[in-house]
Amino acid sequence: MGLLGQGLWVHNSGGCGEAVAGVYWFEDLVRGGKYAGSTIDKGRRFAEHMADGRLGSVEEAHFVPVPGGKFAREAGEQALLEHLREAGDVANIRNPLGRMRRKRAKELGLLEDPFE
């Protein structure tokens, strides 16, 4: 089971008030397609996306907490992004993990499909 399989996907993620680290995705209203990201503060990050016009409301975002530090969140974001790419268009411009860090995340079993 991959890193994200340890959590529960929270659809319609509710209020922005709490500082919660994890990964998320939403339909990007500016670029089109799905946007995947990671954050240490979902409330702040969702507010930024709404201010940019990319996210209509917090209820439109899907979020899962990810335990661990920055590498764990980036590996979770990479796994989510790879899943979304297989399913259709994505708005992301770059991968969170480069080639060597992606190889290490695979060795640790962190890049398995988050929806399995």
N, C-alpha and C. Protein backbone atom coordinates (compact mmCIF):
# COMPACT_ATOMS: atom_id res chain seq x y z
N MET A 1 0.84 -1.18 0.00
CA MET A 1 0.00 0.00 0.00
C MET A 1 0.88 1.23 0.00
N GLY A 2 0.61 2.17 -0.87
CA GLY A 2 1.39 3.40 -0.96
C GLY A 2 1.12 4.35 0.19
N LEU A 3 1.85 5.41 0.20
CA LEU A 3 1.75 6.41 1.25
C LEU A 3 0.34 6.93 1.41
N LEU A 4 -0.33 7.24 0.31
CA LEU A 4 -1.66 7.82 0.41
C LEU A 4 -2.70 6.79 0.82
N GLY A 5 -2.41 5.51 0.63
CA GLY A 5 -3.33 4.48 1.07
C GLY A 5 -3.46 4.43 2.58
N GLN A 6 -2.55 5.07 3.28
CA GLN A 6 -2.60 5.11 4.73
C GLN A 6 -3.60 6.14 5.23
N GLY A 7 -4.04 7.04 4.36
CA GLY A 7 -4.94 8.10 4.77
C GLY A 7 -6.33 7.89 4.22
N LEU A 8 -7.20 8.82 4.49
CA LEU A 8 -8.56 8.78 3.99
C LEU A 8 -8.76 9.99 3.12
N TRP A 9 -9.17 9.77 1.87
CA TRP A 9 -9.43 10.92 1.00
C TRP A 9 -10.62 11.67 1.54
N VAL A 10 -10.47 12.95 1.72
CA VAL A 10 -11.52 13.79 2.27
C VAL A 10 -12.04 14.67 1.14
N HIS A 11 -13.17 14.29 0.57
CA HIS A 11 -13.77 15.09 -0.49
C HIS A 11 -14.54 16.23 0.17
N ASN A 12 -14.67 17.33 -0.53
CA ASN A 12 -15.33 18.50 0.05
C ASN A 12 -14.71 18.77 1.41
N SER A 13 -13.46 19.21 1.37
CA SER A 13 -12.60 19.21 2.54
C SER A 13 -12.97 20.18 3.64
N GLY A 14 -14.06 20.89 3.52
CA GLY A 14 -14.54 21.72 4.62
C GLY A 14 -13.76 23.01 4.78
N GLY A 15 -13.76 23.52 5.99
CA GLY A 15 -13.19 24.83 6.28
C GLY A 15 -11.70 24.91 6.07
N CYS A 16 -11.22 26.13 5.95
CA CYS A 16 -9.81 26.40 5.70
C CYS A 16 -9.07 26.74 6.98
N GLY A 17 -9.72 26.71 8.14
CA GLY A 17 -9.14 27.27 9.35
C GLY A 17 -7.93 26.57 9.92
N GLU A 18 -7.81 25.27 9.77
CA GLU A 18 -6.73 24.55 10.44
C GLU A 18 -5.50 24.40 9.55
N ALA A 19 -4.33 24.37 10.19
CA ALA A 19 -3.08 24.14 9.46
C ALA A 19 -2.84 22.64 9.42
N VAL A 20 -3.10 22.03 8.28
CA VAL A 20 -2.96 20.58 8.12
C VAL A 20 -2.08 20.31 6.90
N ALA A 21 -1.08 19.45 7.07
CA ALA A 21 -0.17 19.08 5.98
C ALA A 21 -0.73 17.89 5.22
N GLY A 22 -0.54 17.89 3.90
CA GLY A 22 -0.98 16.77 3.08
C GLY A 22 -0.92 17.10 1.61
N VAL A 23 -1.65 16.31 0.83
CA VAL A 23 -1.74 16.51 -0.61
C VAL A 23 -3.19 16.73 -1.00
N TYR A 24 -3.38 17.35 -2.16
CA TYR A 24 -4.73 17.71 -2.58
C TYR A 24 -4.81 17.78 -4.10
N TRP A 25 -6.05 17.82 -4.60
CA TRP A 25 -6.27 18.09 -6.02
C TRP A 25 -7.61 18.78 -6.20
N PHE A 26 -7.72 19.50 -7.31
CA PHE A 26 -8.97 20.16 -7.66
C PHE A 26 -8.95 20.45 -9.15
N GLU A 27 -10.13 20.77 -9.70
CA GLU A 27 -10.24 21.18 -11.09
C GLU A 27 -9.74 22.62 -11.19
N ASP A 28 -8.70 22.86 -11.96
CA ASP A 28 -8.10 24.18 -12.10
C ASP A 28 -8.96 25.03 -13.03
N LEU A 29 -9.54 26.10 -12.50
CA LEU A 29 -10.45 26.95 -13.27
C LEU A 29 -9.73 27.86 -14.26
N VAL A 30 -8.42 28.05 -14.09
CA VAL A 30 -7.65 28.91 -14.98
C VAL A 30 -6.98 28.10 -16.10
N ARG A 31 -6.24 27.07 -15.73
CA ARG A 31 -5.49 26.28 -16.72
C ARG A 31 -6.30 25.15 -17.32
N GLY A 32 -7.36 24.73 -16.66
CA GLY A 32 -8.11 23.57 -17.08
C GLY A 32 -7.40 22.31 -16.62
N GLY A 33 -8.10 21.23 -16.50
CA GLY A 33 -7.52 19.98 -16.00
C GLY A 33 -7.44 19.98 -14.49
N LYS A 34 -6.91 18.90 -13.97
CA LYS A 34 -6.79 18.75 -12.53
C LYS A 34 -5.42 19.23 -12.07
N TYR A 35 -5.39 19.91 -10.94
CA TYR A 35 -4.15 20.38 -10.35
C TYR A 35 -3.91 19.61 -9.06
N ALA A 36 -2.71 19.03 -8.90
CA ALA A 36 -2.32 18.33 -7.68
C ALA A 36 -1.25 19.14 -6.97
N GLY A 37 -1.31 19.17 -5.65
CA GLY A 37 -0.32 19.90 -4.89
C GLY A 37 -0.10 19.30 -3.52
N SER A 38 0.89 19.82 -2.83
CA SER A 38 1.15 19.42 -1.44
C SER A 38 1.34 20.70 -0.63
N THR A 39 1.06 20.62 0.64
CA THR A 39 1.15 21.80 1.49
C THR A 39 1.38 21.41 2.95
N ILE A 40 1.95 22.35 3.70
CA ILE A 40 2.03 22.17 5.15
C ILE A 40 0.89 22.89 5.84
N ASP A 41 0.11 23.67 5.08
CA ASP A 41 -1.00 24.44 5.64
C ASP A 41 -2.11 24.53 4.60
N LYS A 42 -3.05 23.58 4.65
CA LYS A 42 -4.07 23.53 3.60
C LYS A 42 -4.93 24.78 3.57
N GLY A 43 -5.23 25.36 4.71
CA GLY A 43 -6.05 26.57 4.73
C GLY A 43 -5.41 27.71 3.98
N ARG A 44 -4.14 27.96 4.26
CA ARG A 44 -3.41 29.03 3.57
C ARG A 44 -3.31 28.75 2.08
N ARG A 45 -2.98 27.50 1.73
CA ARG A 45 -2.78 27.16 0.31
C ARG A 45 -4.08 27.24 -0.47
N PHE A 46 -5.18 26.74 0.10
CA PHE A 46 -6.46 26.83 -0.60
C PHE A 46 -6.87 28.29 -0.77
N ALA A 47 -6.62 29.12 0.24
CA ALA A 47 -6.93 30.56 0.13
C ALA A 47 -6.13 31.19 -1.01
N GLU A 48 -4.86 30.80 -1.15
CA GLU A 48 -4.04 31.32 -2.26
C GLU A 48 -4.63 30.92 -3.61
N HIS A 49 -5.03 29.64 -3.74
CA HIS A 49 -5.60 29.17 -5.01
C HIS A 49 -6.93 29.89 -5.31
N MET A 50 -7.74 30.15 -4.29
CA MET A 50 -9.00 30.87 -4.51
C MET A 50 -8.72 32.32 -4.91
N ALA A 51 -7.73 32.95 -4.28
CA ALA A 51 -7.37 34.33 -4.63
C ALA A 51 -6.87 34.44 -6.06
N ASP A 52 -6.18 33.38 -6.54
CA ASP A 52 -5.68 33.34 -7.92
C ASP A 52 -6.77 32.99 -8.93
N GLY A 53 -7.95 32.62 -8.43
CA GLY A 53 -9.05 32.24 -9.31
C GLY A 53 -8.98 30.81 -9.82
N ARG A 54 -8.02 30.04 -9.30
CA ARG A 54 -7.85 28.66 -9.78
C ARG A 54 -8.80 27.69 -9.08
N LEU A 55 -9.21 28.02 -7.86
CA LEU A 55 -10.11 27.17 -7.06
C LEU A 55 -11.32 28.01 -6.69
N GLY A 56 -12.51 27.52 -7.03
CA GLY A 56 -13.73 28.28 -6.75
C GLY A 56 -14.09 28.34 -5.29
N SER A 57 -13.98 27.20 -4.60
CA SER A 57 -14.30 27.14 -3.18
C SER A 57 -13.55 25.97 -2.55
N VAL A 58 -13.41 26.02 -1.24
CA VAL A 58 -12.73 24.95 -0.52
C VAL A 58 -13.45 23.63 -0.71
N GLU A 59 -14.76 23.68 -0.83
CA GLU A 59 -15.55 22.46 -1.00
C GLU A 59 -15.25 21.72 -2.30
N GLU A 60 -14.63 22.39 -3.27
CA GLU A 60 -14.29 21.76 -4.54
C GLU A 60 -12.96 21.03 -4.51
N ALA A 61 -12.22 21.16 -3.41
CA ALA A 61 -10.90 20.52 -3.29
C ALA A 61 -11.03 19.17 -2.61
N HIS A 62 -10.11 18.28 -2.95
CA HIS A 62 -10.02 16.94 -2.35
C HIS A 62 -8.68 16.89 -1.64
N PHE A 63 -8.67 16.43 -0.39
CA PHE A 63 -7.47 16.52 0.44
C PHE A 63 -7.27 15.24 1.24
N VAL A 64 -6.00 14.88 1.43
CA VAL A 64 -5.67 13.78 2.35
C VAL A 64 -4.45 14.19 3.16
N PRO A 65 -4.52 14.05 4.49
CA PRO A 65 -3.34 14.33 5.30
C PRO A 65 -2.24 13.31 4.99
N VAL A 66 -1.00 13.76 5.01
CA VAL A 66 0.14 12.87 4.77
C VAL A 66 1.10 12.99 5.95
N PRO A 67 1.32 11.89 6.66
CA PRO A 67 2.27 11.93 7.78
C PRO A 67 3.70 12.05 7.27
N GLY A 68 4.56 12.63 8.08
CA GLY A 68 5.96 12.74 7.71
C GLY A 68 6.30 14.15 7.26
N GLY A 69 7.46 14.31 6.70
CA GLY A 69 7.96 15.61 6.30
C GLY A 69 7.77 15.93 4.83
N LYS A 70 8.61 16.83 4.35
CA LYS A 70 8.51 17.33 2.98
C LYS A 70 8.63 16.22 1.94
N PHE A 71 9.59 15.30 2.11
CA PHE A 71 9.76 14.23 1.14
C PHE A 71 8.51 13.36 1.05
N ALA A 72 7.90 13.06 2.19
CA ALA A 72 6.67 12.25 2.20
C ALA A 72 5.55 12.97 1.45
N ARG A 73 5.39 14.27 1.69
CA ARG A 73 4.35 15.03 0.98
C ARG A 73 4.63 15.09 -0.52
N GLU A 74 5.91 15.32 -0.90
CA GLU A 74 6.24 15.38 -2.32
C GLU A 74 6.05 14.02 -2.99
N ALA A 75 6.36 12.94 -2.29
CA ALA A 75 6.13 11.60 -2.85
C ALA A 75 4.64 11.35 -3.01
N GLY A 76 3.85 11.78 -2.03
CA GLY A 76 2.39 11.66 -2.13
C GLY A 76 1.84 12.46 -3.29
N GLU A 77 2.36 13.67 -3.47
CA GLU A 77 1.93 14.51 -4.58
C GLU A 77 2.32 13.87 -5.91
N GLN A 78 3.53 13.30 -6.00
CA GLN A 78 3.98 12.64 -7.22
C GLN A 78 3.08 11.46 -7.56
N ALA A 79 2.75 10.63 -6.56
CA ALA A 79 1.88 9.48 -6.78
C ALA A 79 0.50 9.94 -7.25
N LEU A 80 -0.04 10.97 -6.63
CA LEU A 80 -1.33 11.50 -7.03
C LEU A 80 -1.28 12.06 -8.45
N LEU A 81 -0.23 12.79 -8.76
CA LEU A 81 -0.08 13.38 -10.09
C LEU A 81 0.02 12.31 -11.17
N GLU A 82 0.76 11.24 -10.90
CA GLU A 82 0.86 10.15 -11.87
C GLU A 82 -0.49 9.49 -12.10
N HIS A 83 -1.27 9.32 -11.03
CA HIS A 83 -2.61 8.75 -11.17
C HIS A 83 -3.50 9.66 -12.01
N LEU A 84 -3.47 10.95 -11.70
CA LEU A 84 -4.30 11.90 -12.44
C LEU A 84 -3.91 11.98 -13.91
N ARG A 85 -2.61 11.89 -14.20
CA ARG A 85 -2.16 11.92 -15.61
C ARG A 85 -2.72 10.74 -16.39
N GLU A 86 -2.78 9.57 -15.75
CA GLU A 86 -3.33 8.40 -16.43
C GLU A 86 -4.82 8.57 -16.71
N ALA A 87 -5.50 9.32 -15.84
CA ALA A 87 -6.95 9.50 -15.95
C ALA A 87 -7.35 10.63 -16.89
N GLY A 88 -6.42 11.52 -17.27
CA GLY A 88 -6.77 12.62 -18.16
C GLY A 88 -5.84 13.80 -18.02
N ASP A 89 -6.35 14.98 -18.37
CA ASP A 89 -5.56 16.20 -18.38
C ASP A 89 -5.21 16.67 -16.97
N VAL A 90 -4.00 17.17 -16.82
CA VAL A 90 -3.58 17.79 -15.57
C VAL A 90 -3.07 19.21 -15.86
N ALA A 91 -3.21 20.06 -14.87
CA ALA A 91 -2.79 21.46 -15.01
C ALA A 91 -1.36 21.68 -14.54
N ASN A 92 -0.78 20.71 -13.84
CA ASN A 92 0.57 20.88 -13.31
C ASN A 92 1.59 21.04 -14.43
N ILE A 93 2.55 21.90 -14.20
CA ILE A 93 3.60 22.17 -15.18
C ILE A 93 4.82 21.29 -14.94
N ARG A 94 5.12 20.98 -13.67
CA ARG A 94 6.31 20.18 -13.36
C ARG A 94 6.01 19.14 -12.29
N ASN A 95 6.89 18.16 -12.20
CA ASN A 95 6.79 17.12 -11.18
C ASN A 95 7.41 17.61 -9.87
N PRO A 96 6.87 17.20 -8.74
CA PRO A 96 7.47 17.58 -7.46
C PRO A 96 8.79 16.88 -7.19
N LEU A 97 9.00 15.70 -7.77
CA LEU A 97 10.22 14.93 -7.56
C LEU A 97 11.01 14.80 -8.86
N GLY A 98 12.30 15.04 -8.78
CA GLY A 98 13.19 14.80 -9.91
C GLY A 98 13.46 13.32 -10.06
N ARG A 99 14.24 12.96 -11.04
CA ARG A 99 14.49 11.56 -11.38
C ARG A 99 15.06 10.76 -10.20
N MET A 100 16.07 11.27 -9.54
CA MET A 100 16.72 10.51 -8.45
C MET A 100 15.82 10.40 -7.22
N ARG A 101 15.13 11.46 -6.87
CA ARG A 101 14.23 11.41 -5.72
C ARG A 101 13.02 10.53 -6.01
N ARG A 102 12.56 10.52 -7.28
CA ARG A 102 11.46 9.64 -7.66
C ARG A 102 11.89 8.18 -7.54
N LYS A 103 13.15 7.88 -7.94
CA LYS A 103 13.67 6.52 -7.82
C LYS A 103 13.70 6.10 -6.35
N ARG A 104 14.13 6.99 -5.47
CA ARG A 104 14.18 6.68 -4.03
C ARG A 104 12.78 6.46 -3.48
N ALA A 105 11.82 7.28 -3.87
CA ALA A 105 10.45 7.12 -3.40
C ALA A 105 9.87 5.79 -3.85
N LYS A 106 10.20 5.35 -5.08
CA LYS A 106 9.75 4.04 -5.56
C LYS A 106 10.36 2.93 -4.73
N GLU A 107 11.64 3.04 -4.42
CA GLU A 107 12.31 2.03 -3.59
C GLU A 107 11.65 1.91 -2.22
N LEU A 108 11.15 3.01 -1.71
CA LEU A 108 10.50 3.02 -0.39
C LEU A 108 9.02 2.64 -0.47
N GLY A 109 8.51 2.42 -1.69
CA GLY A 109 7.11 2.04 -1.86
C GLY A 109 6.14 3.20 -1.71
N LEU A 110 6.62 4.42 -1.94
CA LEU A 110 5.78 5.59 -1.72
C LEU A 110 5.03 6.06 -2.96
N LEU A 111 5.29 5.45 -4.11
CA LEU A 111 4.67 5.92 -5.35
C LEU A 111 3.61 4.98 -5.89
N GLU A 112 3.06 4.13 -5.05
CA GLU A 112 1.98 3.26 -5.52
C GLU A 112 0.74 4.09 -5.75
N ASP A 113 -0.17 3.59 -6.59
CA ASP A 113 -1.39 4.31 -6.93
C ASP A 113 -2.15 4.67 -5.66
N PRO A 114 -2.44 5.96 -5.43
CA PRO A 114 -3.10 6.37 -4.21
C PRO A 114 -4.54 5.93 -4.09
N PHE A 115 -5.13 5.44 -5.19
CA PHE A 115 -6.53 5.05 -5.15
C PHE A 115 -6.72 3.54 -5.08
N GLU A 116 -5.66 2.79 -4.89
CA GLU A 116 -5.79 1.33 -4.78
C GLU A 116 -5.94 0.92 -3.34
